[in-house]
Amino acid sequence: MASLGVGKEILSYCNKCKLTLAHIIVTMKTLNEADKVMCKTCKGTHAFKDPSTKTSKRVTALKPTGARKTQKTSEPVADIWSREMYQSKATPSPYSIKAKYQKGDVITHPTFGDGIVEKNIDSNKIEVLFKDDFRILVHNK
């Protein structure tokens, strides 16, 4: 196992990019724990966020003002994704903006990988659970 240190590369969740990406360690808390990291993609500097502890936010209801009320689950998104992909009997199909998807369909997105349709938001938007996060995609165009 490679040792951690300033200037070395580490995977961290980037709030600006909304993805788990490669970062450069800027400062260390301890010999084995990164403190501040710099994203190699957006060049933003932030606290180290262990990608294995990222949890999901699910929309549970809409307030009358239109603001979203979210509920944070304690289960990591990757665990939810693994369980739902294992339980799904659907065959993955390549994602296309022209295709129409229903809840439970499994798609393969060229950027985000395999995902499962969680719900239909309206006639042309779906919420899809990917290994790293929930995403809204367009379909049926």
N, C-alpha and C. Protein backbone atom coordinates (compact mmCIF):
# COMPACT_ATOMS: atom_id res chain seq x y z
N MET A 1 0.85 -1.18 0.00
CA MET A 1 0.00 0.00 0.00
C MET A 1 0.89 1.24 0.00
N ALA A 2 0.60 2.18 -0.88
CA ALA A 2 1.39 3.39 -0.98
C ALA A 2 1.12 4.29 0.22
N SER A 3 2.15 4.95 0.71
CA SER A 3 1.97 5.85 1.84
C SER A 3 1.41 7.18 1.36
N LEU A 4 0.68 7.84 2.24
CA LEU A 4 0.11 9.14 1.91
C LEU A 4 1.11 10.23 2.26
N GLY A 5 1.03 11.34 1.55
CA GLY A 5 1.90 12.47 1.82
C GLY A 5 1.53 13.65 0.95
N VAL A 6 2.00 14.80 1.32
CA VAL A 6 1.75 16.03 0.56
C VAL A 6 2.31 15.86 -0.85
N GLY A 7 1.50 16.23 -1.84
CA GLY A 7 1.92 16.14 -3.23
C GLY A 7 1.53 14.82 -3.90
N LYS A 8 1.06 13.86 -3.11
CA LYS A 8 0.66 12.57 -3.68
C LYS A 8 -0.81 12.63 -4.10
N GLU A 9 -1.18 11.70 -4.97
CA GLU A 9 -2.54 11.64 -5.50
C GLU A 9 -3.43 10.77 -4.64
N ILE A 10 -4.72 11.19 -4.49
CA ILE A 10 -5.70 10.45 -3.70
C ILE A 10 -7.08 10.68 -4.31
N LEU A 11 -7.97 9.72 -4.16
CA LEU A 11 -9.35 9.90 -4.60
C LEU A 11 -10.14 10.61 -3.51
N SER A 12 -10.92 11.62 -3.90
CA SER A 12 -11.74 12.37 -2.96
C SER A 12 -12.99 12.83 -3.69
N TYR A 13 -14.08 13.02 -2.94
CA TYR A 13 -15.31 13.54 -3.53
C TYR A 13 -15.18 15.05 -3.67
N CYS A 14 -15.44 15.58 -4.86
CA CYS A 14 -15.36 17.01 -5.13
C CYS A 14 -16.78 17.59 -5.18
N ASN A 15 -17.11 18.52 -4.27
CA ASN A 15 -18.43 19.14 -4.25
C ASN A 15 -18.66 20.02 -5.46
N LYS A 16 -17.60 20.59 -6.00
CA LYS A 16 -17.74 21.47 -7.16
C LYS A 16 -18.06 20.65 -8.42
N CYS A 17 -17.33 19.54 -8.61
CA CYS A 17 -17.54 18.67 -9.77
C CYS A 17 -18.68 17.67 -9.55
N LYS A 18 -19.03 17.43 -8.28
CA LYS A 18 -20.06 16.46 -7.90
C LYS A 18 -19.69 15.03 -8.30
N LEU A 19 -18.39 14.72 -8.24
CA LEU A 19 -17.89 13.40 -8.60
C LEU A 19 -16.72 13.02 -7.70
N THR A 20 -16.44 11.73 -7.64
CA THR A 20 -15.22 11.26 -6.99
C THR A 20 -14.12 11.31 -8.04
N LEU A 21 -13.09 12.11 -7.78
CA LEU A 21 -12.03 12.33 -8.76
C LEU A 21 -10.66 12.28 -8.09
N ALA A 22 -9.63 12.27 -8.92
CA ALA A 22 -8.26 12.32 -8.43
C ALA A 22 -7.96 13.72 -7.90
N HIS A 23 -7.33 13.78 -6.74
CA HIS A 23 -6.94 15.03 -6.09
C HIS A 23 -5.47 14.93 -5.69
N ILE A 24 -4.84 16.07 -5.48
CA ILE A 24 -3.48 16.15 -4.96
C ILE A 24 -3.58 16.59 -3.50
N ILE A 25 -2.88 15.88 -2.61
CA ILE A 25 -2.90 16.21 -1.19
C ILE A 25 -2.11 17.50 -0.98
N VAL A 26 -2.75 18.49 -0.32
CA VAL A 26 -2.13 19.78 -0.04
C VAL A 26 -1.60 19.81 1.40
N THR A 27 -2.41 19.35 2.36
CA THR A 27 -1.98 19.28 3.76
C THR A 27 -2.46 17.96 4.37
N MET A 28 -1.77 17.55 5.44
CA MET A 28 -2.11 16.30 6.12
C MET A 28 -2.56 16.61 7.55
N LYS A 29 -3.58 15.85 8.06
CA LYS A 29 -3.98 15.94 9.47
C LYS A 29 -3.01 15.13 10.32
N THR A 30 -2.81 13.88 9.90
CA THR A 30 -1.88 12.97 10.56
C THR A 30 -1.06 12.29 9.48
N LEU A 31 -0.19 11.37 9.87
CA LEU A 31 0.62 10.66 8.88
C LEU A 31 -0.22 9.84 7.91
N ASN A 32 -1.40 9.40 8.35
CA ASN A 32 -2.23 8.54 7.51
C ASN A 32 -3.56 9.16 7.11
N GLU A 33 -3.74 10.47 7.33
CA GLU A 33 -5.02 11.11 7.05
C GLU A 33 -4.82 12.45 6.36
N ALA A 34 -5.39 12.57 5.12
CA ALA A 34 -5.30 13.81 4.36
C ALA A 34 -6.23 14.86 4.97
N ASP A 35 -5.83 16.13 4.88
CA ASP A 35 -6.65 17.23 5.41
C ASP A 35 -7.23 18.03 4.25
N LYS A 36 -6.40 18.76 3.51
CA LYS A 36 -6.83 19.56 2.37
C LYS A 36 -6.31 18.92 1.09
N VAL A 37 -7.16 18.95 0.04
CA VAL A 37 -6.79 18.40 -1.25
C VAL A 37 -7.17 19.37 -2.36
N MET A 38 -6.49 19.25 -3.52
CA MET A 38 -6.79 20.08 -4.67
C MET A 38 -7.26 19.17 -5.81
N CYS A 39 -8.44 19.45 -6.35
CA CYS A 39 -9.00 18.67 -7.44
C CYS A 39 -8.16 18.86 -8.70
N LYS A 40 -7.79 17.77 -9.34
CA LYS A 40 -6.99 17.85 -10.57
C LYS A 40 -7.84 18.29 -11.75
N THR A 41 -9.17 18.22 -11.63
CA THR A 41 -10.05 18.60 -12.72
C THR A 41 -10.41 20.08 -12.67
N CYS A 42 -10.96 20.54 -11.53
CA CYS A 42 -11.43 21.94 -11.44
C CYS A 42 -10.42 22.85 -10.72
N LYS A 43 -9.38 22.27 -10.16
CA LYS A 43 -8.33 23.01 -9.44
C LYS A 43 -8.81 23.64 -8.14
N GLY A 44 -9.99 23.24 -7.67
CA GLY A 44 -10.52 23.75 -6.41
C GLY A 44 -9.85 23.06 -5.23
N THR A 45 -9.62 23.80 -4.14
CA THR A 45 -9.03 23.23 -2.92
C THR A 45 -10.12 23.15 -1.86
N HIS A 46 -10.20 21.99 -1.20
CA HIS A 46 -11.22 21.77 -0.18
C HIS A 46 -10.75 20.68 0.77
N ALA A 47 -11.54 20.46 1.82
CA ALA A 47 -11.23 19.40 2.77
C ALA A 47 -11.37 18.05 2.09
N PHE A 48 -10.54 17.09 2.48
CA PHE A 48 -10.61 15.73 1.94
C PHE A 48 -11.94 15.11 2.33
N LYS A 49 -12.64 14.52 1.35
CA LYS A 49 -13.91 13.83 1.58
C LYS A 49 -13.77 12.41 1.09
N ASP A 50 -13.75 11.47 2.02
CA ASP A 50 -13.60 10.06 1.69
C ASP A 50 -14.77 9.61 0.84
N PRO A 51 -14.54 9.16 -0.41
CA PRO A 51 -15.66 8.79 -1.29
C PRO A 51 -16.46 7.59 -0.79
N SER A 52 -15.88 6.75 0.05
CA SER A 52 -16.62 5.58 0.53
C SER A 52 -17.67 5.96 1.58
N THR A 53 -17.62 7.19 2.10
CA THR A 53 -18.59 7.62 3.10
C THR A 53 -19.65 8.55 2.54
N LYS A 54 -19.64 8.83 1.23
CA LYS A 54 -20.64 9.71 0.62
C LYS A 54 -22.00 9.05 0.73
N THR A 55 -22.99 9.80 1.21
CA THR A 55 -24.35 9.29 1.36
C THR A 55 -25.26 10.01 0.39
N SER A 56 -26.42 9.42 0.14
CA SER A 56 -27.33 9.98 -0.85
C SER A 56 -28.32 10.95 -0.21
N LYS A 57 -28.83 11.85 -1.05
CA LYS A 57 -29.93 12.72 -0.66
C LYS A 57 -31.08 12.37 -1.59
N ARG A 58 -32.21 12.04 -1.02
CA ARG A 58 -33.37 11.68 -1.82
C ARG A 58 -34.44 12.74 -1.62
N VAL A 59 -35.10 13.14 -2.68
CA VAL A 59 -36.20 14.09 -2.60
C VAL A 59 -37.40 13.34 -2.07
N THR A 60 -37.97 13.81 -0.95
CA THR A 60 -39.10 13.12 -0.36
C THR A 60 -40.41 13.84 -0.59
N ALA A 61 -40.39 15.14 -0.74
CA ALA A 61 -41.64 15.88 -0.95
C ALA A 61 -41.31 17.28 -1.45
N LEU A 62 -42.29 17.93 -2.04
CA LEU A 62 -42.13 19.32 -2.44
C LEU A 62 -42.97 20.17 -1.51
N LYS A 63 -42.35 21.23 -0.99
CA LYS A 63 -43.09 22.17 -0.16
C LYS A 63 -43.95 23.04 -1.08
N PRO A 64 -44.99 23.67 -0.55
CA PRO A 64 -45.84 24.52 -1.37
C PRO A 64 -45.06 25.63 -2.08
N THR A 65 -43.95 26.09 -1.50
CA THR A 65 -43.17 27.16 -2.11
C THR A 65 -42.33 26.64 -3.26
N GLY A 66 -42.26 25.31 -3.44
CA GLY A 66 -41.46 24.74 -4.52
C GLY A 66 -40.08 24.31 -4.05
N ALA A 67 -39.71 24.64 -2.82
CA ALA A 67 -38.40 24.23 -2.30
C ALA A 67 -38.43 22.74 -2.00
N ARG A 68 -37.30 22.07 -2.20
CA ARG A 68 -37.24 20.64 -1.98
C ARG A 68 -36.90 20.32 -0.54
N LYS A 69 -37.53 19.29 -0.04
CA LYS A 69 -37.24 18.79 1.30
C LYS A 69 -36.48 17.48 1.11
N THR A 70 -35.24 17.42 1.57
CA THR A 70 -34.44 16.23 1.36
C THR A 70 -34.23 15.49 2.66
N GLN A 71 -34.03 14.21 2.52
CA GLN A 71 -33.77 13.36 3.68
C GLN A 71 -32.48 12.61 3.40
N LYS A 72 -31.50 12.77 4.26
CA LYS A 72 -30.21 12.13 4.06
C LYS A 72 -30.26 10.73 4.65
N THR A 73 -29.88 9.75 3.83
CA THR A 73 -29.85 8.38 4.33
C THR A 73 -28.46 8.09 4.86
N SER A 74 -28.36 7.13 5.76
CA SER A 74 -27.06 6.82 6.33
C SER A 74 -26.33 5.77 5.50
N GLU A 75 -26.97 5.21 4.50
CA GLU A 75 -26.36 4.18 3.67
C GLU A 75 -25.64 4.82 2.48
N PRO A 76 -24.39 4.46 2.22
CA PRO A 76 -23.67 5.01 1.07
C PRO A 76 -24.38 4.69 -0.25
N VAL A 77 -24.30 5.61 -1.20
CA VAL A 77 -24.94 5.46 -2.50
C VAL A 77 -24.47 4.18 -3.18
N ALA A 78 -23.19 3.88 -3.09
CA ALA A 78 -22.64 2.68 -3.74
C ALA A 78 -23.30 1.41 -3.20
N ASP A 79 -23.63 1.38 -1.91
CA ASP A 79 -24.30 0.21 -1.33
C ASP A 79 -25.74 0.09 -1.83
N ILE A 80 -26.44 1.21 -1.93
CA ILE A 80 -27.81 1.20 -2.45
C ILE A 80 -27.80 0.71 -3.90
N TRP A 81 -26.85 1.25 -4.69
CA TRP A 81 -26.72 0.88 -6.10
C TRP A 81 -26.44 -0.62 -6.23
N SER A 82 -25.50 -1.13 -5.44
CA SER A 82 -25.14 -2.56 -5.51
C SER A 82 -26.35 -3.44 -5.20
N ARG A 83 -27.09 -3.10 -4.16
CA ARG A 83 -28.25 -3.89 -3.77
C ARG A 83 -29.32 -3.88 -4.87
N GLU A 84 -29.62 -2.68 -5.41
CA GLU A 84 -30.67 -2.59 -6.42
C GLU A 84 -30.27 -3.24 -7.74
N MET A 85 -29.00 -3.15 -8.11
CA MET A 85 -28.54 -3.80 -9.34
C MET A 85 -28.59 -5.32 -9.18
N TYR A 86 -28.26 -5.82 -7.99
CA TYR A 86 -28.30 -7.25 -7.72
C TYR A 86 -29.75 -7.76 -7.77
N GLN A 87 -30.69 -6.99 -7.26
CA GLN A 87 -32.09 -7.40 -7.22
C GLN A 87 -32.78 -7.26 -8.57
N SER A 88 -32.25 -6.41 -9.44
CA SER A 88 -32.89 -6.16 -10.73
C SER A 88 -32.71 -7.35 -11.67
N LYS A 89 -33.78 -7.68 -12.37
CA LYS A 89 -33.75 -8.77 -13.34
C LYS A 89 -33.65 -8.22 -14.77
N ALA A 90 -33.66 -6.89 -14.92
CA ALA A 90 -33.65 -6.25 -16.23
C ALA A 90 -32.27 -6.35 -16.88
N THR A 91 -32.27 -6.43 -18.20
CA THR A 91 -31.03 -6.46 -18.97
C THR A 91 -30.62 -5.02 -19.28
N PRO A 92 -29.36 -4.65 -19.04
CA PRO A 92 -28.94 -3.27 -19.33
C PRO A 92 -29.06 -2.95 -20.81
N SER A 93 -29.56 -1.73 -21.10
CA SER A 93 -29.63 -1.26 -22.48
C SER A 93 -28.87 0.06 -22.56
N PRO A 94 -28.25 0.34 -23.71
CA PRO A 94 -27.50 1.61 -23.85
C PRO A 94 -28.44 2.80 -23.70
N TYR A 95 -28.01 3.83 -22.97
CA TYR A 95 -28.82 5.04 -22.77
C TYR A 95 -28.93 5.81 -24.08
N SER A 96 -30.13 6.26 -24.38
CA SER A 96 -30.38 7.13 -25.52
C SER A 96 -31.41 8.16 -25.10
N ILE A 97 -31.19 9.40 -25.49
CA ILE A 97 -32.13 10.47 -25.16
C ILE A 97 -33.48 10.23 -25.85
N LYS A 98 -33.47 9.46 -26.94
CA LYS A 98 -34.69 9.20 -27.71
C LYS A 98 -35.53 8.07 -27.12
N ALA A 99 -34.91 7.18 -26.37
CA ALA A 99 -35.64 6.03 -25.81
C ALA A 99 -36.51 6.46 -24.63
N LYS A 100 -37.54 5.66 -24.36
CA LYS A 100 -38.43 5.94 -23.22
C LYS A 100 -38.14 4.89 -22.15
N TYR A 101 -37.97 5.33 -20.90
CA TYR A 101 -37.62 4.44 -19.79
C TYR A 101 -38.70 4.47 -18.71
N GLN A 102 -38.82 3.35 -18.01
CA GLN A 102 -39.75 3.22 -16.90
C GLN A 102 -38.97 2.87 -15.64
N LYS A 103 -39.62 3.03 -14.49
CA LYS A 103 -39.01 2.68 -13.21
C LYS A 103 -38.56 1.21 -13.26
N GLY A 104 -37.32 0.96 -12.83
CA GLY A 104 -36.78 -0.40 -12.81
C GLY A 104 -35.93 -0.75 -14.02
N ASP A 105 -35.99 0.06 -15.09
CA ASP A 105 -35.14 -0.21 -16.27
C ASP A 105 -33.67 0.00 -15.90
N VAL A 106 -32.80 -0.82 -16.46
CA VAL A 106 -31.36 -0.70 -16.24
C VAL A 106 -30.75 -0.15 -17.52
N ILE A 107 -29.96 0.92 -17.37
CA ILE A 107 -29.33 1.55 -18.53
C ILE A 107 -27.82 1.59 -18.36
N THR A 108 -27.12 1.71 -19.49
CA THR A 108 -25.68 1.89 -19.48
C THR A 108 -25.39 3.25 -20.10
N HIS A 109 -24.93 4.19 -19.28
CA HIS A 109 -24.63 5.55 -19.72
C HIS A 109 -23.15 5.61 -20.10
N PRO A 110 -22.79 6.30 -21.19
CA PRO A 110 -21.38 6.34 -21.60
C PRO A 110 -20.45 7.03 -20.61
N THR A 111 -20.96 7.94 -19.80
CA THR A 111 -20.12 8.64 -18.81
C THR A 111 -20.27 8.07 -17.41
N PHE A 112 -21.49 7.80 -16.97
CA PHE A 112 -21.76 7.42 -15.59
C PHE A 112 -21.79 5.91 -15.36
N GLY A 113 -21.82 5.11 -16.42
CA GLY A 113 -21.84 3.66 -16.28
C GLY A 113 -23.25 3.11 -16.13
N ASP A 114 -23.36 1.95 -15.47
CA ASP A 114 -24.65 1.31 -15.30
C ASP A 114 -25.48 2.02 -14.24
N GLY A 115 -26.78 2.13 -14.51
CA GLY A 115 -27.68 2.77 -13.56
C GLY A 115 -29.06 2.16 -13.66
N ILE A 116 -29.85 2.40 -12.65
CA ILE A 116 -31.21 1.87 -12.62
C ILE A 116 -32.18 3.05 -12.44
N VAL A 117 -33.25 3.06 -13.25
CA VAL A 117 -34.23 4.14 -13.21
C VAL A 117 -35.02 4.02 -11.91
N GLU A 118 -34.96 5.06 -11.08
CA GLU A 118 -35.63 5.09 -9.79
C GLU A 118 -37.06 5.62 -9.90
N LYS A 119 -37.23 6.65 -10.74
CA LYS A 119 -38.59 7.18 -10.92
C LYS A 119 -38.65 8.06 -12.16
N ASN A 120 -39.88 8.19 -12.69
CA ASN A 120 -40.15 9.09 -13.79
C ASN A 120 -40.61 10.41 -13.18
N ILE A 121 -39.86 11.47 -13.42
CA ILE A 121 -40.18 12.78 -12.85
C ILE A 121 -41.32 13.42 -13.63
N ASP A 122 -41.21 13.41 -14.95
CA ASP A 122 -42.30 13.84 -15.82
C ASP A 122 -42.14 13.10 -17.14
N SER A 123 -42.81 13.56 -18.19
CA SER A 123 -42.82 12.81 -19.44
C SER A 123 -41.45 12.71 -20.12
N ASN A 124 -40.52 13.60 -19.77
CA ASN A 124 -39.21 13.50 -20.42
C ASN A 124 -38.02 13.60 -19.45
N LYS A 125 -38.24 13.35 -18.15
CA LYS A 125 -37.13 13.34 -17.19
C LYS A 125 -37.26 12.12 -16.29
N ILE A 126 -36.09 11.51 -16.01
CA ILE A 126 -36.04 10.36 -15.12
C ILE A 126 -34.94 10.56 -14.09
N GLU A 127 -35.14 9.98 -12.90
CA GLU A 127 -34.09 9.98 -11.89
C GLU A 127 -33.44 8.60 -11.93
N VAL A 128 -32.11 8.59 -12.13
CA VAL A 128 -31.38 7.34 -12.27
C VAL A 128 -30.34 7.23 -11.15
N LEU A 129 -30.28 6.05 -10.55
CA LEU A 129 -29.28 5.76 -9.51
C LEU A 129 -28.06 5.15 -10.18
N PHE A 130 -26.93 5.88 -10.11
CA PHE A 130 -25.67 5.36 -10.59
C PHE A 130 -24.82 5.00 -9.38
N LYS A 131 -23.67 4.39 -9.60
CA LYS A 131 -22.83 3.92 -8.50
C LYS A 131 -22.37 5.06 -7.60
N ASP A 132 -22.21 6.27 -8.16
CA ASP A 132 -21.69 7.39 -7.37
C ASP A 132 -22.74 8.38 -6.88
N ASP A 133 -23.93 8.42 -7.52
CA ASP A 133 -24.93 9.42 -7.13
C ASP A 133 -26.23 9.23 -7.90
N PHE A 134 -27.28 9.91 -7.47
CA PHE A 134 -28.53 9.98 -8.21
C PHE A 134 -28.39 11.10 -9.24
N ARG A 135 -28.89 10.88 -10.46
CA ARG A 135 -28.80 11.90 -11.50
C ARG A 135 -30.14 11.98 -12.24
N ILE A 136 -30.42 13.18 -12.77
CA ILE A 136 -31.63 13.40 -13.56
C ILE A 136 -31.19 13.38 -15.01
N LEU A 137 -31.85 12.54 -15.81
CA LEU A 137 -31.54 12.44 -17.23
C LEU A 137 -32.79 12.73 -18.05
N VAL A 138 -32.57 13.16 -19.29
CA VAL A 138 -33.66 13.42 -20.23
C VAL A 138 -33.89 12.14 -21.05
N HIS A 139 -35.15 11.85 -21.35
CA HIS A 139 -35.48 10.71 -22.20
C HIS A 139 -36.74 11.05 -22.99
N ASN A 140 -37.12 10.18 -23.90
CA ASN A 140 -38.36 10.30 -24.66
C ASN A 140 -38.41 11.60 -25.49
N LYS A 141 -37.29 12.00 -26.08
CA LYS A 141 -37.25 13.22 -26.91
C LYS A 141 -37.38 12.87 -28.38
